[in-house]
């Protein structure tokens, strides 16, 4: 709810900026028109930045404990090579070829101060990447690594990366503190849910349960 409202407010702000940005073009007096037109172009550019910001924020969802995130199934293609199918909440599915002994799913998190919860501002997340991990340190250091983006939609402005690098959301905690990983096995199916402060996966069939049991 909060991120949908935030997206709507940003869109409204962008439209207001565009309106006031193009209005001076319809007035006379050369110098004033030139001056206002220059400022107007800057305002319109700022408005489009807001639109891109709103577009990226629309991809975030509220962090609700025990919320279903995705289903992951693995099928072995060769030694330490697996086909990994990811079906995210909402039904979208993607397929990857992952090298390693484990799959790892990470999410981007924007956490706000507790006092902002009074006005409905809560932690948001967006699935970020799927990667492979190896069981042994030697393999981890020497064998090929695979890493894929799993974010839905085309990313024009990466709010999370910009906020993390330039700290333009000073009240927010922007991090990757929500990854989970489990062993890959031919025919294994796992479910990923939101925990108290991180993602967690659990087996959905006997093959996945046995894989986790052998690993632990």
Protein backbone atom coordinates (compact mmCIF):
# COMPACT_ATOMS: atom_id res chain seq x y z
CA UNK A 1 0.00 0.00 0.00
CA UNK A 2 2.73 2.45 0.99
CA UNK A 3 4.81 1.90 -2.16
CA UNK A 4 1.74 2.18 -4.39
CA UNK A 5 0.86 5.48 -2.67
CA UNK A 6 4.47 6.67 -2.96
CA UNK A 7 4.46 5.86 -6.67
CA UNK A 8 1.20 7.82 -7.15
CA UNK A 9 2.50 10.87 -5.26
CA UNK A 10 5.72 10.91 -7.27
CA UNK A 11 3.76 10.68 -10.53
CA UNK A 12 1.56 13.59 -9.42
CA UNK A 13 4.62 15.67 -8.50
CA UNK A 14 6.17 14.93 -11.90
CA UNK A 15 3.03 16.03 -13.75
CA UNK A 16 2.90 19.29 -11.77
CA UNK A 17 6.56 19.97 -12.58
CA UNK A 18 5.97 19.29 -16.29
CA UNK A 19 2.95 21.66 -16.33
CA UNK A 20 4.85 24.54 -14.74
CA UNK A 21 7.88 23.69 -16.87
CA UNK A 22 6.18 24.14 -20.25
CA UNK A 23 3.82 26.99 -19.26
CA UNK A 24 6.37 29.83 -19.82
CA UNK A 25 6.81 28.82 -23.47
CA UNK A 26 3.39 30.31 -24.18
CA UNK A 27 4.28 33.78 -22.85
CA UNK A 28 5.92 36.80 -24.59
CA UNK A 29 8.98 39.00 -23.87
CA UNK A 30 12.12 37.44 -25.26
CA UNK A 31 14.44 37.68 -22.23
CA UNK A 32 11.90 36.44 -19.74
CA UNK A 33 10.85 33.68 -22.10
CA UNK A 34 14.50 32.65 -22.60
CA UNK A 35 15.23 32.69 -18.87
CA UNK A 36 12.05 30.89 -17.92
CA UNK A 37 12.48 28.43 -20.77
CA UNK A 38 15.94 27.48 -19.54
CA UNK A 39 14.62 26.95 -16.04
CA UNK A 40 11.64 25.13 -17.47
CA UNK A 41 13.84 22.66 -19.31
CA UNK A 42 15.68 21.95 -16.08
CA UNK A 43 12.36 21.49 -14.32
CA UNK A 44 11.10 19.12 -17.00
CA UNK A 45 14.35 17.12 -16.75
CA UNK A 46 13.86 16.96 -12.98
CA UNK A 47 10.28 15.81 -13.52
CA UNK A 48 11.42 12.96 -15.75
CA UNK A 49 13.91 11.95 -13.05
CA UNK A 50 10.99 11.78 -10.64
CA UNK A 51 9.09 9.60 -13.11
CA UNK A 52 12.04 7.19 -13.31
CA UNK A 53 12.23 7.20 -9.51
CA UNK A 54 8.52 6.37 -9.29
CA UNK A 55 8.92 3.59 -11.86
CA UNK A 56 11.66 1.92 -9.84
CA UNK A 57 9.82 2.29 -6.53
CA UNK A 58 6.77 0.61 -8.08
CA UNK A 59 8.77 -2.63 -8.18
CA UNK A 60 9.11 -2.80 -4.39
CA UNK A 61 6.71 -4.70 -2.14
CA UNK A 62 5.97 -4.41 1.56
CA UNK A 63 7.96 -6.71 3.83
CA UNK A 64 5.34 -8.88 5.50
CA UNK A 65 6.58 -11.70 7.73
CA UNK A 66 5.94 -15.20 6.31
CA UNK A 67 4.92 -13.79 2.95
CA UNK A 68 5.43 -16.09 -0.04
CA UNK A 69 8.19 -14.85 -2.35
CA UNK A 70 9.08 -17.56 -4.84
CA UNK A 71 9.27 -21.27 -5.68
CA UNK A 72 12.61 -22.64 -6.85
CA UNK A 73 13.08 -26.01 -8.58
CA UNK A 74 16.42 -27.49 -9.66
CA UNK A 75 17.26 -30.05 -12.36
CA UNK A 76 20.78 -31.36 -12.83
CA UNK A 77 22.37 -30.85 -16.26
CA UNK A 78 25.86 -32.07 -15.40
CA UNK A 79 28.47 -32.11 -12.61
CA UNK A 80 27.82 -28.99 -10.48
CA UNK A 81 25.55 -27.56 -13.20
CA UNK A 82 21.80 -27.13 -12.76
CA UNK A 83 18.77 -25.70 -14.48
CA UNK A 84 17.07 -23.49 -11.91
CA UNK A 85 13.45 -22.44 -12.45
CA UNK A 86 12.27 -19.47 -10.38
CA UNK A 87 8.53 -18.77 -10.10
CA UNK A 88 7.98 -15.52 -8.21
CA UNK A 89 4.85 -14.37 -6.39
CA UNK A 90 2.38 -13.31 -9.04
CA UNK A 91 3.20 -16.18 -11.40
CA UNK A 92 6.15 -14.84 -13.43
CA UNK A 93 8.74 -17.55 -14.10
CA UNK A 94 12.36 -17.45 -15.25
CA UNK A 95 14.90 -20.16 -16.06
CA UNK A 96 18.66 -20.07 -15.45
CA UNK A 97 21.66 -22.38 -15.74
CA UNK A 98 23.54 -22.16 -12.44
CA UNK A 99 26.97 -23.58 -11.60
CA UNK A 100 27.73 -24.79 -8.08
CA UNK A 101 26.33 -26.90 -5.25
CA UNK A 102 23.89 -24.34 -3.82
CA UNK A 103 21.50 -21.72 -5.19
CA UNK A 104 21.34 -18.35 -3.47
CA UNK A 105 18.53 -15.80 -3.80
CA UNK A 106 19.09 -12.21 -2.65
CA UNK A 107 16.74 -9.28 -2.25
CA UNK A 108 17.26 -5.54 -2.05
CA UNK A 109 15.86 -4.00 1.09
CA UNK A 110 14.94 -0.42 1.97
CA UNK A 111 14.26 -0.17 5.71
CA UNK A 112 12.91 3.03 7.26
CA UNK A 113 13.13 4.27 10.87
CA UNK A 114 10.49 2.88 13.24
CA UNK A 115 8.93 6.31 13.83
CA UNK A 116 7.97 6.52 10.14
CA UNK A 117 5.71 3.50 10.66
CA UNK A 118 3.22 5.87 12.31
CA UNK A 119 2.38 7.26 8.86
CA UNK A 120 2.40 3.85 7.17
CA UNK A 121 6.00 3.83 5.92
CA UNK A 122 7.34 0.27 6.23
CA UNK A 123 10.25 -1.79 4.96
CA UNK A 124 10.17 -2.68 1.27
CA UNK A 125 11.95 -5.35 -0.72
CA UNK A 126 12.64 -6.34 -4.32
CA UNK A 127 14.12 -9.64 -5.48
CA UNK A 128 17.55 -8.87 -6.87
CA UNK A 129 19.74 -11.76 -7.99
CA UNK A 130 20.17 -15.52 -8.18
CA UNK A 131 23.66 -16.99 -7.88
CA UNK A 132 25.46 -20.29 -7.44
CA UNK A 133 27.72 -21.27 -4.55
CA UNK A 134 30.13 -24.16 -4.06
CA UNK A 135 30.41 -26.40 -1.03
CA UNK A 136 34.21 -26.39 -0.83
CA UNK A 137 36.35 -23.27 -0.48
CA UNK A 138 38.68 -24.55 -3.20
CA UNK A 139 35.82 -24.78 -5.71
CA UNK A 140 34.50 -21.39 -4.59
CA UNK A 141 37.85 -19.79 -5.41
CA UNK A 142 38.70 -21.62 -8.63
CA UNK A 143 35.50 -22.66 -10.46
CA UNK A 144 33.18 -20.50 -12.61
CA UNK A 145 30.66 -18.30 -10.79
CA UNK A 146 27.16 -17.62 -12.10
CA UNK A 147 25.08 -14.58 -11.19
CA UNK A 148 21.75 -13.47 -12.67
CA UNK A 149 19.42 -10.53 -12.15
CA UNK A 150 15.90 -11.64 -11.24
CA UNK A 151 14.27 -8.22 -10.91
CA UNK A 152 11.05 -8.03 -12.92
CA UNK A 153 10.60 -5.32 -15.55
CA UNK A 154 13.14 -3.12 -17.30
CA UNK A 155 15.29 -1.10 -14.91
CA UNK A 156 15.87 2.46 -16.11
CA UNK A 157 16.96 4.14 -12.88
CA UNK A 158 18.46 1.94 -10.15
CA UNK A 159 17.25 3.73 -7.01
CA UNK A 160 18.74 1.17 -4.65
CA UNK A 161 22.28 1.42 -6.07
CA UNK A 162 22.19 5.23 -6.26
CA UNK A 163 20.85 5.48 -2.69
CA UNK A 164 23.52 3.10 -1.41
CA UNK A 165 26.36 4.91 -3.21
CA UNK A 166 25.35 8.54 -2.65
CA UNK A 167 23.20 8.19 0.48
CA UNK A 168 20.36 10.30 -0.97
CA UNK A 169 17.88 8.49 1.32
CA UNK A 170 19.55 9.53 4.61
CA UNK A 171 16.83 8.08 6.83
CA UNK A 172 16.71 4.70 5.13
CA UNK A 173 18.87 1.62 5.61
CA UNK A 174 19.69 0.27 2.15
CA UNK A 175 21.27 -3.18 2.15
CA UNK A 176 21.40 -6.75 0.87
CA UNK A 177 20.68 -8.24 4.29
CA UNK A 178 18.10 -10.73 3.12
CA UNK A 179 19.66 -13.62 1.24
CA UNK A 180 18.97 -17.34 1.55
CA UNK A 181 20.70 -20.37 0.05
CA UNK A 182 20.05 -24.14 -0.07
CA UNK A 183 21.61 -27.12 -1.85
CA UNK A 184 20.78 -27.95 -5.46
CA UNK A 185 19.60 -31.48 -6.25
CA UNK A 186 18.00 -33.05 -9.31
CA UNK A 187 14.22 -32.73 -8.92
CA UNK A 188 14.33 -30.67 -5.71
CA UNK A 189 11.66 -27.99 -5.10
CA UNK A 190 11.96 -25.22 -2.53
CA UNK A 191 9.76 -22.38 -1.35
CA UNK A 192 11.14 -18.97 -0.36
CA UNK A 193 9.36 -16.80 2.20
CA UNK A 194 10.04 -13.63 4.17
CA UNK A 195 11.29 -14.06 7.70
CA UNK A 196 11.65 -11.58 10.54
CA UNK A 197 14.53 -9.78 8.83
CA UNK A 198 15.66 -12.05 5.97
CA UNK A 199 14.49 -14.47 3.31
CA UNK A 200 14.35 -18.14 4.22
CA UNK A 201 13.85 -21.25 2.10
CA UNK A 202 12.24 -24.56 2.96
CA UNK A 203 11.94 -27.85 1.05
CA UNK A 204 8.64 -28.73 -0.63
CA UNK A 205 9.34 -32.34 -1.62
CA UNK A 206 11.28 -35.36 -0.34
CA UNK A 207 14.21 -34.77 -2.70
CA UNK A 208 14.68 -31.26 -1.32
CA UNK A 209 14.34 -32.49 2.27
CA UNK A 210 16.97 -35.19 1.70
CA UNK A 211 19.31 -32.66 0.09
CA UNK A 212 19.03 -30.37 3.12
CA UNK A 213 19.49 -33.32 5.47
CA UNK A 214 22.66 -34.49 3.68
CA UNK A 215 24.07 -30.96 3.71
CA UNK A 216 23.45 -30.33 7.41
